[in-house]
C-alpha atoms as a PDB file:
ATOM      1  CA  MET A   1      23.512   2.571   0.471  1.00  0.00           C
ATOM      2  CA  SER A   2      20.604   1.656   2.741  1.00  0.00           C
ATOM      3  CA  LEU A   3      19.428  -1.868   3.540  1.00  0.00           C
ATOM      4  CA  LEU A   4      16.654  -1.343   0.992  1.00  0.00           C
ATOM      5  CA  GLY A   5      18.993  -0.064  -1.710  1.00  0.00           C
ATOM      6  CA  LYS A   6      18.430   3.293  -3.396  1.00  0.00           C
ATOM      7  CA  ASP A   7      14.684   3.041  -4.099  1.00  0.00           C
ATOM      8  CA  LEU A   8      11.441   1.271  -3.170  1.00  0.00           C
ATOM      9  CA  VAL A   9       9.563   0.547  -6.399  1.00  0.00           C
ATOM     10  CA  GLY A  10       7.914  -2.738  -5.388  1.00  0.00           C
ATOM     11  CA  LEU A  11       7.889  -5.675  -2.990  1.00  0.00           C
ATOM     12  CA  ALA A  12       8.791  -8.149  -5.731  1.00  0.00           C
ATOM     13  CA  GLY A  13      12.477  -8.809  -5.260  1.00  0.00           C
ATOM     14  CA  LEU A  14      12.635  -7.673  -1.645  1.00  0.00           C
ATOM     15  CA  SER A  15      13.860 -10.361   0.699  1.00  0.00           C
ATOM     16  CA  ARG A  16      12.028 -11.607   3.777  1.00  0.00           C
ATOM     17  CA  GLU A  17      14.715  -9.867   5.867  1.00  0.00           C
ATOM     18  CA  GLN A  18      14.187  -6.516   4.127  1.00  0.00           C
ATOM     19  CA  ILE A  19      10.399  -6.659   4.523  1.00  0.00           C
ATOM     20  CA  THR A  20      10.676  -7.727   8.157  1.00  0.00           C
ATOM     21  CA  THR A  21      13.103  -4.894   8.858  1.00  0.00           C
ATOM     22  CA  ILE A  22      10.666  -2.301   7.471  1.00  0.00           C
ATOM     23  CA  LEU A  23       7.874  -3.690   9.663  1.00  0.00           C
ATOM     24  CA  ASP A  24      10.173  -3.818  12.710  1.00  0.00           C
ATOM     25  CA  VAL A  25      11.193  -0.197  12.151  1.00  0.00           C
ATOM     26  CA  ALA A  26       7.565   0.899  11.682  1.00  0.00           C
ATOM     27  CA  GLU A  27       6.421  -0.571  15.020  1.00  0.00           C
ATOM     28  CA  PRO A  28       8.135   1.953  17.349  1.00  0.00           C
ATOM     29  CA  LEU A  29       7.459   4.816  14.925  1.00  0.00           C
ATOM     30  CA  ARG A  30       3.709   4.350  15.489  1.00  0.00           C
ATOM     31  CA  GLU A  31       4.281   5.831  18.932  1.00  0.00           C
ATOM     32  CA  VAL A  32       5.408   9.145  17.442  1.00  0.00           C
ATOM     33  CA  SER A  33       1.887   9.736  16.106  1.00  0.00           C
ATOM     34  CA  GLU A  34       0.437   9.244  19.596  1.00  0.00           C
ATOM     35  CA  ARG A  35       2.378  12.149  21.112  1.00  0.00           C
ATOM     36  CA  ALA A  36       1.114  15.639  21.796  1.00  0.00           C
ATOM     37  CA  ILE A  37       3.922  16.945  19.557  1.00  0.00           C
ATOM     38  CA  LYS A  38       4.028  14.473  16.683  1.00  0.00           C
ATOM     39  CA  LYS A  39       7.505  15.066  15.384  1.00  0.00           C
ATOM     40  CA  VAL A  40      11.078  13.727  15.574  1.00  0.00           C
ATOM     41  CA  PRO A  41      14.088  15.458  14.018  1.00  0.00           C
ATOM     42  CA  THR A  42      15.355  12.396  12.155  1.00  0.00           C
ATOM     43  CA  LEU A  43      15.102  13.747   8.577  1.00  0.00           C
ATOM     44  CA  ARG A  44      15.656  17.419   9.374  1.00  0.00           C
ATOM     45  CA  GLY A  45      17.308  19.174   6.432  1.00  0.00           C
ATOM     46  CA  MET A  46      16.096  16.652   3.841  1.00  0.00           C
ATOM     47  CA  THR A  47      13.694  17.635   1.063  1.00  0.00           C
ATOM     48  CA  VAL A  48      11.021  15.249  -0.249  1.00  0.00           C
ATOM     49  CA  VAL A  49       8.987  15.977  -3.397  1.00  0.00           C
ATOM     50  CA  ASN A  50       5.587  14.319  -3.730  1.00  0.00           C
ATOM     51  CA  LEU A  51       4.840  13.875  -7.452  1.00  0.00           C
ATOM     52  CA  PHE A  52       1.212  12.779  -7.609  1.00  0.00           C
ATOM     53  CA  PHE A  53       0.176  12.516 -11.243  1.00  0.00           C
ATOM     54  CA  GLU A  54      -2.960  10.566 -10.360  1.00  0.00           C
ATOM     55  CA  ALA A  55      -5.756  11.353  -7.901  1.00  0.00           C
ATOM     56  CA  SER A  56      -5.063  10.296  -4.328  1.00  0.00           C
ATOM     57  CA  THR A  57      -6.279  11.342  -0.923  1.00  0.00           C
ATOM     58  CA  ARG A  58      -5.177   8.937   1.797  1.00  0.00           C
ATOM     59  CA  THR A  59      -1.844   7.881   0.262  1.00  0.00           C
ATOM     60  CA  ARG A  60      -0.752  11.449  -0.459  1.00  0.00           C
ATOM     61  CA  ILE A  61      -1.798  12.710   2.960  1.00  0.00           C
ATOM     62  CA  SER A  62      -0.257   9.694   4.682  1.00  0.00           C
ATOM     63  CA  PHE A  63       3.092  10.370   2.980  1.00  0.00           C
ATOM     64  CA  GLU A  64       2.872  14.059   3.901  1.00  0.00           C
ATOM     65  CA  PHE A  65       2.214  13.217   7.547  1.00  0.00           C
ATOM     66  CA  ALA A  66       5.103  10.747   7.547  1.00  0.00           C
ATOM     67  CA  GLU A  67       7.512  13.255   6.016  1.00  0.00           C
ATOM     68  CA  LYS A  68       6.514  16.082   8.345  1.00  0.00           C
ATOM     69  CA  ARG A  69       6.619  13.877  11.440  1.00  0.00           C
ATOM     70  CA  MET A  70      10.213  13.036  10.507  1.00  0.00           C
ATOM     71  CA  SER A  71      10.908  16.800  10.081  1.00  0.00           C
ATOM     72  CA  ALA A  72      11.625  16.644   6.338  1.00  0.00           C
ATOM     73  CA  ASP A  73      10.819  19.638   4.125  1.00  0.00           C
ATOM     74  CA  THR A  74       8.081  18.697   1.634  1.00  0.00           C
ATOM     75  CA  VAL A  75       6.951  19.968  -1.756  1.00  0.00           C
ATOM     76  CA  ASN A  76       3.782  18.743  -3.486  1.00  0.00           C
ATOM     77  CA  VAL A  77       3.479  18.631  -7.269  1.00  0.00           C
ATOM     78  CA  ALA A  78       0.371  17.527  -9.180  1.00  0.00           C
ATOM     79  CA  ALA A  79       0.116  17.030 -12.933  1.00  0.00           C
ATOM     80  CA  SER A  80      -2.524  19.739 -13.291  1.00  0.00           C
ATOM     81  CA  GLY A  81      -0.908  23.112 -12.907  1.00  0.00           C
ATOM     82  CA  SER A  82       2.631  21.769 -13.386  1.00  0.00           C
ATOM     83  CA  SER A  83       4.847  21.852 -16.462  1.00  0.00           C
ATOM     84  CA  VAL A  84       3.681  18.300 -17.234  1.00  0.00           C
ATOM     85  CA  SER A  85       0.369  19.813 -18.343  1.00  0.00           C
ATOM     86  CA  LYS A  86       2.415  21.876 -20.855  1.00  0.00           C
ATOM     87  CA  GLY A  87       4.029  18.795 -22.358  1.00  0.00           C
ATOM     88  CA  GLU A  88       7.157  18.423 -20.199  1.00  0.00           C
ATOM     89  CA  THR A  89       8.290  14.833 -19.704  1.00  0.00           C
ATOM     90  CA  LEU A  90       8.346  13.079 -16.354  1.00  0.00           C
ATOM     91  CA  VAL A  91      12.142  12.838 -16.400  1.00  0.00           C
ATOM     92  CA  ASP A  92      12.614  16.521 -17.261  1.00  0.00           C
ATOM     93  CA  THR A  93      10.311  17.482 -14.410  1.00  0.00           C
ATOM     94  CA  ALA A  94      12.246  15.306 -11.975  1.00  0.00           C
ATOM     95  CA  ARG A  95      15.659  16.462 -13.195  1.00  0.00           C
ATOM     96  CA  ASN A  96      14.667  20.098 -12.827  1.00  0.00           C
ATOM     97  CA  LEU A  97      13.512  19.410  -9.292  1.00  0.00           C
ATOM     98  CA  GLU A  98      16.733  17.534  -8.619  1.00  0.00           C
ATOM     99  CA  ALA A  99      18.718  20.566  -9.767  1.00  0.00           C
ATOM    100  CA  MET A 100      17.124  22.326  -6.796  1.00  0.00           C
ATOM    101  CA  ARG A 101      18.886  19.754  -4.575  1.00  0.00           C
ATOM    102  CA  ILE A 102      16.067  17.522  -3.441  1.00  0.00           C
ATOM    103  CA  ASP A 103      16.723  14.192  -1.679  1.00  0.00           C
ATOM    104  CA  MET A 104      13.701  11.964  -2.337  1.00  0.00           C
ATOM    105  CA  VAL A 105      10.795  11.675  -4.749  1.00  0.00           C
ATOM    106  CA  VAL A 106       7.488   9.991  -3.932  1.00  0.00           C
ATOM    107  CA  ILE A 107       5.662   9.260  -7.169  1.00  0.00           C
ATOM    108  CA  ARG A 108       2.177   8.105  -8.080  1.00  0.00           C
ATOM    109  CA  HIS A 109       1.561   7.624 -11.777  1.00  0.00           C
ATOM    110  CA  ALA A 110      -1.095   6.030 -13.994  1.00  0.00           C
ATOM    111  CA  SER A 111       1.490   4.115 -16.025  1.00  0.00           C
ATOM    112  CA  SER A 112       2.857   0.795 -14.789  1.00  0.00           C
ATOM    113  CA  GLY A 113       6.631   0.992 -14.493  1.00  0.00           C
ATOM    114  CA  ALA A 114       6.783   4.788 -14.129  1.00  0.00           C
ATOM    115  CA  ALA A 115       8.448   4.591 -10.705  1.00  0.00           C
ATOM    116  CA  ARG A 116      11.248   2.285 -11.892  1.00  0.00           C
ATOM    117  CA  PHE A 117      11.681   4.357 -15.079  1.00  0.00           C
ATOM    118  CA  LEU A 118      12.257   7.434 -12.937  1.00  0.00           C
ATOM    119  CA  ALA A 119      14.433   5.643 -10.379  1.00  0.00           C
ATOM    120  CA  GLU A 120      16.834   4.555 -13.103  1.00  0.00           C
ATOM    121  CA  ARG A 121      17.262   8.125 -14.350  1.00  0.00           C
ATOM    122  CA  ILE A 122      17.677  10.327 -11.287  1.00  0.00           C
ATOM    123  CA  GLU A 123      20.006  10.164  -8.301  1.00  0.00           C
ATOM    124  CA  SER A 124      17.409  10.932  -5.634  1.00  0.00           C
ATOM    125  CA  ASN A 125      15.704   8.103  -3.779  1.00  0.00           C
ATOM    126  CA  VAL A 126      12.402   7.143  -5.431  1.00  0.00           C
ATOM    127  CA  ILE A 127       9.417   5.682  -3.551  1.00  0.00           C
ATOM    128  CA  ASN A 128       6.565   4.191  -5.554  1.00  0.00           C
ATOM    129  CA  ALA A 129       3.209   5.426  -4.246  1.00  0.00           C
ATOM    130  CA  GLY A 130       1.338   3.366  -6.838  1.00  0.00           C
ATOM    131  CA  ASP A 131       2.065   2.937 -10.556  1.00  0.00           C
ATOM    132  CA  GLY A 132      -0.703   1.840 -12.911  1.00  0.00           C
ATOM    133  CA  THR A 133      -1.668  -1.769 -12.236  1.00  0.00           C
ATOM    134  CA  HIS A 134       1.891  -2.735 -11.213  1.00  0.00           C
ATOM    135  CA  GLU A 135       2.579  -2.284  -7.475  1.00  0.00           C
ATOM    136  CA  HIS A 136       1.735  -0.160  -4.434  1.00  0.00           C
ATOM    137  CA  PRO A 137       4.496  -1.293  -2.050  1.00  0.00           C
ATOM    138  CA  THR A 138       3.768   0.896   0.973  1.00  0.00           C
ATOM    139  CA  GLN A 139       0.108  -0.194   0.905  1.00  0.00           C
ATOM    140  CA  GLY A 140       1.295  -3.790   0.827  1.00  0.00           C
ATOM    141  CA  LEU A 141       3.621  -3.134   3.768  1.00  0.00           C
ATOM    142  CA  LEU A 142       0.940  -1.493   5.894  1.00  0.00           C
ATOM    143  CA  ASP A 143      -1.358  -4.454   5.197  1.00  0.00           C
ATOM    144  CA  LEU A 144       1.421  -6.814   6.316  1.00  0.00           C
ATOM    145  CA  LEU A 145       2.010  -4.778   9.470  1.00  0.00           C
ATOM    146  CA  THR A 146      -1.708  -4.790  10.315  1.00  0.00           C
ATOM    147  CA  LEU A 147      -1.948  -8.559   9.865  1.00  0.00           C
ATOM    148  CA  ARG A 148       1.251  -9.194  11.833  1.00  0.00           C
ATOM    149  CA  GLN A 149      -0.037  -7.107  14.739  1.00  0.00           C
ATOM    150  CA  ARG A 150      -3.203  -9.237  14.891  1.00  0.00           C
ATOM    151  CA  PHE A 151      -1.710 -12.667  14.201  1.00  0.00           C
ATOM    152  CA  GLY A 152       1.795 -12.297  15.652  1.00  0.00           C
ATOM    153  CA  THR A 153       3.205 -14.061  12.599  1.00  0.00           C
ATOM    154  CA  LEU A 154       2.068 -14.552   9.020  1.00  0.00           C
ATOM    155  CA  GLU A 155       3.694 -17.974   8.750  1.00  0.00           C
ATOM    156  CA  GLY A 156       0.971 -20.402   7.623  1.00  0.00           C
ATOM    157  CA  LYS A 157      -1.843 -17.840   7.811  1.00  0.00           C
ATOM    158  CA  ARG A 158      -4.370 -17.972   4.971  1.00  0.00           C
ATOM    159  CA  ILE A 159      -5.073 -14.631   3.339  1.00  0.00           C
ATOM    160  CA  CYS A 160      -7.501 -14.200   0.440  1.00  0.00           C
ATOM    161  CA  ILE A 161      -7.479 -11.121  -1.788  1.00  0.00           C
ATOM    162  CA  CYS A 162     -11.020 -10.579  -3.054  1.00  0.00           C
ATOM    163  CA  GLY A 163     -12.461  -8.582  -5.915  1.00  0.00           C
ATOM    164  CA  ASP A 164     -10.942  -6.600  -8.760  1.00  0.00           C
ATOM    165  CA  VAL A 165      -7.495  -8.205  -8.802  1.00  0.00           C
ATOM    166  CA  LEU A 166      -7.039  -7.433 -12.508  1.00  0.00           C
ATOM    167  CA  HIS A 167      -6.766  -3.664 -12.019  1.00  0.00           C
ATOM    168  CA  SER A 168      -5.198  -3.726  -8.556  1.00  0.00           C
ATOM    169  CA  ARG A 169      -1.614  -2.711  -7.802  1.00  0.00           C
ATOM    170  CA  VAL A 170      -2.364  -3.464  -4.137  1.00  0.00           C
ATOM    171  CA  ALA A 171      -3.023  -7.127  -4.973  1.00  0.00           C
ATOM    172  CA  ARG A 172       0.400  -7.629  -6.537  1.00  0.00           C
ATOM    173  CA  SER A 173       2.288  -6.027  -3.645  1.00  0.00           C
ATOM    174  CA  ASN A 174       0.194  -8.066  -1.194  1.00  0.00           C
ATOM    175  CA  ILE A 175       0.898 -11.345  -2.971  1.00  0.00           C
ATOM    176  CA  TRP A 176       4.670 -10.749  -3.074  1.00  0.00           C
ATOM    177  CA  GLY A 177       4.837  -9.561   0.528  1.00  0.00           C
ATOM    178  CA  LEU A 178       2.551 -12.200   2.041  1.00  0.00           C
ATOM    179  CA  LYS A 179       4.349 -15.059   0.318  1.00  0.00           C
ATOM    180  CA  SER A 180       7.736 -13.689   1.409  1.00  0.00           C
ATOM    181  CA  LEU A 181       6.556 -13.841   5.033  1.00  0.00           C
ATOM    182  CA  GLY A 182       5.246 -17.404   4.712  1.00  0.00           C
ATOM    183  CA  ALA A 183       1.488 -16.860   4.311  1.00  0.00           C
ATOM    184  CA  ASP A 184      -0.746 -18.985   2.082  1.00  0.00           C
ATOM    185  CA  VAL A 185      -2.387 -16.666  -0.441  1.00  0.00           C
ATOM    186  CA  ALA A 186      -5.548 -16.986  -2.529  1.00  0.00           C
ATOM    187  CA  VAL A 187      -7.552 -14.685  -4.767  1.00  0.00           C
ATOM    188  CA  CYS A 188     -11.308 -14.632  -5.345  1.00  0.00           C
ATOM    189  CA  GLY A 189     -13.350 -12.760  -7.908  1.00  0.00           C
ATOM    190  CA  PRO A 190     -15.148 -13.031 -11.216  1.00  0.00           C
ATOM    191  CA  ARG A 191     -12.971 -14.603 -13.926  1.00  0.00           C
ATOM    192  CA  SER A 192     -13.188 -11.334 -15.889  1.00  0.00           C
ATOM    193  CA  LEU A 193     -11.411  -9.503 -13.029  1.00  0.00           C
ATOM    194  CA  LEU A 194      -8.569 -11.984 -12.458  1.00  0.00           C
ATOM    195  CA  PRO A 195      -5.349 -11.805 -14.530  1.00  0.00           C
ATOM    196  CA  ASN A 196      -4.942 -14.759 -16.900  1.00  0.00           C
ATOM    197  CA  ALA A 197      -1.605 -15.789 -15.373  1.00  0.00           C
ATOM    198  CA  ILE A 198      -2.582 -15.277 -11.725  1.00  0.00           C
ATOM    199  CA  GLY A 199      -1.917 -18.950 -10.922  1.00  0.00           C
ATOM    200  CA  GLU A 200       1.750 -18.487 -11.903  1.00  0.00           C
ATOM    201  CA  MET A 201       2.143 -16.238  -8.833  1.00  0.00           C
ATOM    202  CA  GLY A 202       1.616 -19.290  -6.624  1.00  0.00           C
ATOM    203  CA  VAL A 203      -1.856 -18.464  -5.339  1.00  0.00           C
ATOM    204  CA  GLN A 204      -5.049 -20.476  -5.084  1.00  0.00           C
ATOM    205  CA  VAL A 205      -8.036 -19.232  -7.045  1.00  0.00           C
ATOM    206  CA  PHE A 206     -11.599 -19.265  -5.711  1.00  0.00           C
ATOM    207  CA  SER A 207     -14.576 -18.514  -7.940  1.00  0.00           C
ATOM    208  CA  ARG A 208     -17.078 -18.175  -5.085  1.00  0.00           C
ATOM    209  CA  ILE A 209     -16.808 -15.785  -2.130  1.00  0.00           C
ATOM    210  CA  GLU A 210     -18.271 -18.466   0.157  1.00  0.00           C
ATOM    211  CA  GLN A 211     -15.235 -20.669  -0.579  1.00  0.00           C
ATOM    212  CA  ALA A 212     -12.870 -17.805   0.276  1.00  0.00           C
ATOM    213  CA  ILE A 213     -14.644 -17.100   3.573  1.00  0.00           C
ATOM    214  CA  GLU A 214     -14.584 -20.778   4.554  1.00  0.00           C
ATOM    215  CA  TRP A 215     -10.826 -21.026   3.802  1.00  0.00           C
ATOM    216  CA  ALA A 216      -9.340 -17.730   4.995  1.00  0.00           C
ATOM    217  CA  ASP A 217      -8.072 -16.236   8.228  1.00  0.00           C
ATOM    218  CA  ALA A 218      -8.306 -12.767   6.645  1.00  0.00           C
ATOM    219  CA  LEU A 219      -9.918 -11.212   3.586  1.00  0.00           C
ATOM    220  CA  ASN A 220      -8.353  -8.224   1.868  1.00  0.00           C
ATOM    221  CA  VAL A 221     -11.333  -6.804  -0.017  1.00  0.00           C
ATOM    222  CA  LEU A 222     -10.439  -4.734  -3.065  1.00  0.00           C
ATOM    223  CA  ARG A 223     -12.294  -1.798  -4.527  1.00  0.00           C
ATOM    224  CA  LEU A 224     -14.056  -2.344  -7.825  1.00  0.00           C
ATOM    225  CA  GLN A 225     -12.052   0.081 -10.010  1.00  0.00           C
ATOM    226  CA  LEU A 226     -14.806   1.237 -12.336  1.00  0.00           C
ATOM    227  CA  GLU A 227     -12.672   4.115 -13.637  1.00  0.00           C
ATOM    228  CA  ARG A 228     -10.195   1.635 -15.157  1.00  0.00           C
ATOM    229  CA  MET A 229     -12.822  -0.528 -16.832  1.00  0.00           C
ATOM    230  CA  GLN A 230     -13.187   0.054 -20.549  1.00  0.00           C
ATOM    231  CA  ALA A 231     -15.694  -2.743 -21.095  1.00  0.00           C
ATOM    232  CA  GLY A 232     -18.440  -4.640 -19.300  1.00  0.00           C
ATOM    233  CA  TYR A 233     -16.437  -6.731 -16.818  1.00  0.00           C
ATOM    234  CA  ILE A 234     -19.490  -7.325 -14.613  1.00  0.00           C
ATOM    235  CA  PRO A 235     -23.230  -7.420 -15.341  1.00  0.00           C
ATOM    236  CA  SER A 236     -24.073  -4.731 -12.751  1.00  0.00           C
ATOM    237  CA  LEU A 237     -23.004  -3.452  -9.325  1.00  0.00           C
ATOM    238  CA  ARG A 238     -26.063  -5.058  -7.741  1.00  0.00           C
ATOM    239  CA  GLU A 239     -25.193  -8.408  -9.301  1.00  0.00           C
ATOM    240  CA  TYR A 240     -21.556  -8.080  -8.180  1.00  0.00           C
ATOM    241  CA  ASN A 241     -22.679  -7.455  -4.595  1.00  0.00           C
ATOM    242  CA  ARG A 242     -25.091 -10.373  -4.754  1.00  0.00           C
ATOM    243  CA  VAL A 243     -22.406 -12.831  -5.905  1.00  0.00           C
ATOM    244  CA  PHE A 244     -19.111 -11.471  -4.517  1.00  0.00           C
ATOM    245  CA  GLY A 245     -20.051  -8.912  -1.857  1.00  0.00           C
ATOM    246  CA  VAL A 246     -18.610  -9.431   1.632  1.00  0.00           C
ATOM    247  CA  THR A 247     -21.724  -9.240   3.779  1.00  0.00           C
ATOM    248  CA  ARG A 248     -22.450  -9.843   7.455  1.00  0.00           C
ATOM    249  CA  ALA A 249     -24.705 -12.777   6.591  1.00  0.00           C
ATOM    250  CA  ARG A 250     -21.837 -14.468   4.768  1.00  0.00           C
ATOM    251  CA  LEU A 251     -19.330 -13.785   7.558  1.00  0.00           C
ATOM    252  CA  GLU A 252     -21.717 -15.243  10.137  1.00  0.00           C
ATOM    253  CA  ARG A 253     -21.442 -18.578   8.333  1.00  0.00           C
ATOM    254  CA  ALA A 254     -17.619 -18.550   8.522  1.00  0.00           C
ATOM    255  CA  PRO A 255     -16.052 -21.402  10.549  1.00  0.00           C
ATOM    256  CA  ARG A 256     -13.744 -18.957  12.374  1.00  0.00           C
ATOM    257  CA  ASP A 257     -13.318 -15.228  13.041  1.00  0.00           C
ATOM    258  CA  ILE A 258     -12.003 -13.493   9.940  1.00  0.00           C
ATOM    259  CA  LEU A 259     -10.135 -10.202   9.774  1.00  0.00           C
ATOM    260  CA  ILE A 260     -11.414  -7.800   7.142  1.00  0.00           C
ATOM    261  CA  LEU A 261      -9.028  -5.422   5.379  1.00  0.00           C
ATOM    262  CA  HIS A 262      -9.734  -2.902   2.620  1.00  0.00           C
ATOM    263  CA  PRO A 263      -7.195  -0.505   1.064  1.00  0.00           C
ATOM    264  CA  GLY A 264      -9.867   2.147   0.471  1.00  0.00           C
ATOM    265  CA  PRO A 265     -11.650   4.058  -0.766  1.00  0.00           C
ATOM    266  CA  MET A 266     -14.579   1.675  -0.341  1.00  0.00           C
ATOM    267  CA  ASN A 267     -17.613   1.152  -2.539  1.00  0.00           C
ATOM    268  CA  ARG A 268     -20.007   0.453   0.323  1.00  0.00           C
ATOM    269  CA  GLY A 269     -22.801  -1.855  -0.703  1.00  0.00           C
ATOM    270  CA  VAL A 270     -20.781  -3.151  -3.655  1.00  0.00           C
ATOM    271  CA  GLU A 271     -17.662  -5.106  -2.665  1.00  0.00           C
ATOM    272  CA  ILE A 272     -18.291  -4.655   1.078  1.00  0.00           C
ATOM    273  CA  ASP A 273     -21.352  -3.855   3.179  1.00  0.00           C
ATOM    274  CA  SER A 274     -21.251  -1.073   5.753  1.00  0.00           C
ATOM    275  CA  ASP A 275     -21.958  -3.341   8.706  1.00  0.00           C
ATOM    276  CA  VAL A 276     -18.847  -5.355   7.751  1.00  0.00           C
ATOM    277  CA  ALA A 277     -16.647  -2.317   7.074  1.00  0.00           C
ATOM    278  CA  ASP A 278     -17.608  -0.827  10.438  1.00  0.00           C
ATOM    279  CA  GLY A 279     -18.006  -4.117  12.277  1.00  0.00           C
ATOM    280  CA  PRO A 280     -15.904  -6.019  14.806  1.00  0.00           C
ATOM    281  CA  HIS A 281     -13.939  -7.953  12.179  1.00  0.00           C
ATOM    282  CA  SER A 282     -12.719  -4.795  10.430  1.00  0.00           C
ATOM    283  CA  VAL A 283      -9.143  -3.511  10.821  1.00  0.00           C
ATOM    284  CA  ILE A 284      -9.530  -0.894   8.095  1.00  0.00           C
ATOM    285  CA  LEU A 285      -8.759   2.114  10.306  1.00  0.00           C
ATOM    286  CA  ASP A 286      -5.761   0.268  11.789  1.00  0.00           C
ATOM    287  CA  GLN A 287      -4.477   0.037   8.218  1.00  0.00           C
ATOM    288  CA  VAL A 288      -4.735   3.812   7.854  1.00  0.00           C
ATOM    289  CA  THR A 289      -2.873   4.427  11.126  1.00  0.00           C
ATOM    290  CA  ASN A 290      -0.185   1.924  10.175  1.00  0.00           C
ATOM    291  CA  GLY A 291       0.227   3.625   6.807  1.00  0.00           C
ATOM    292  CA  VAL A 292       1.885   6.652   8.377  1.00  0.00           C
ATOM    293  CA  ALA A 293       4.255   4.497  10.447  1.00  0.00           C
ATOM    294  CA  VAL A 294       5.240   2.331   7.482  1.00  0.00           C
ATOM    295  CA  ARG A 295       5.962   5.371   5.334  1.00  0.00           C
ATOM    296  CA  MET A 296       8.024   6.902   8.113  1.00  0.00           C
ATOM    297  CA  ALA A 297      10.003   3.658   8.254  1.00  0.00           C
ATOM    298  CA  VAL A 298      10.598   3.585   4.496  1.00  0.00           C
ATOM    299  CA  LEU A 299      11.742   7.222   4.464  1.00  0.00           C
ATOM    300  CA  TYR A 300      14.013   6.513   7.420  1.00  0.00           C
ATOM    301  CA  LEU A 301      15.611   3.428   5.880  1.00  0.00           C
ATOM    302  CA  LEU A 302      16.044   4.878   2.397  1.00  0.00           C
ATOM    303  CA  ALA A 303      17.763   7.867   3.951  1.00  0.00           C
ATOM    304  CA  GLY A 304      20.374   5.401   5.162  1.00  0.00           C
ATOM    305  CA  GLN A 305      19.703   6.031   8.823  1.00  0.00           C
ATOM    306  CA  LYS A 306      21.500   3.547  11.001  1.00  0.00           C
ATOM    307  CA  ALA A 307      20.737   4.814  14.502  1.00  0.00           C
ATOM    308  CA  SER A 308      18.718   2.458  16.642  1.00  0.00           C
ATOM    309  CA  LEU A 309      14.971   2.914  16.532  1.00  0.00           C
ATOM    310  CA  ALA A 310      14.988   3.533  20.231  1.00  0.00           C
ATOM    311  CA  ASP A 311      16.960   6.696  19.482  1.00  0.00           C
ATOM    312  CA  VAL A 312      14.493   7.686  16.777  1.00  0.00           C
ATOM    313  CA  ALA A 313      11.502   7.163  19.031  1.00  0.00           C
ATOM    314  CA  LYS A 314      13.202   9.192  21.768  1.00  0.00           C
ATOM    315  CA  GLY A 315      13.974  11.990  19.355  1.00  0.00           C
ATOM    316  CA  GLY A 316      11.282  14.201  20.818  1.00  0.00           C
ATOM    317  CA  ALA A 317      10.037  17.381  19.324  1.00  0.00           C
ATOM    318  CA  ALA A 318      12.061  18.967  16.571  1.00  0.00           C
END
């Protein structure tokens, strides 16, 4: 059994040591993506199935890059065109794939809890690539890695998660991970887009974006998930930007430099303005780069690899 256990379905329940180990493993693996031949033989012979039952671009591609750079064999399955579209259950799909002797499953699903449901029913390692409004653990880990690279430590740093917290799986993974590493965490958004029990997670709540900017060392700005909204949560996009948008004018009034993160895809001109997303405070593209390294680290650790990371980084071309 690996240090992480059999599966990674969320950051809730992971210890500070486990999270730190993933980040420590990811650091040297970033170097693999800088090489002319971006591949090490670490997972050669292993088969990973990517079950993406919900639309995704960067997460799916990031996992594929991570798997291929570790030399795993990969298979991609989407709901459309698979037996799921003919009525087959999630478990039957996974068990049939498992009968073909796979090793790991990466799953994205619209239902909260789908990753754990699957993990409890198949023997292969399961990695949650986002389930409903529950968790998105690898996104949380890449956010932690990006912040740690900039700050050195998260102990005592003040991080505010801004926007549509209600529908965000990223927010939950961020809160669990940041608190485990000693950060002070807050959320900011319209009351209609904050969960009723958000205070029970041990976070401060700001109702004005100006308060969040004055308080924070970093803002993690969330996408307004219009596709999940069944009712009028906000008056209009223009009004949301006017009251809660992260703009350059607002950042210029901040008492200190603030890092700006966003898990993407962005609604430019809604939750974040372009001159902020592309400006000097932004680490959004660093997040994307770190995503591949973090996913390589998770694959590596779940596979039970125990060789030193120096050996992995020296693995060279497959």
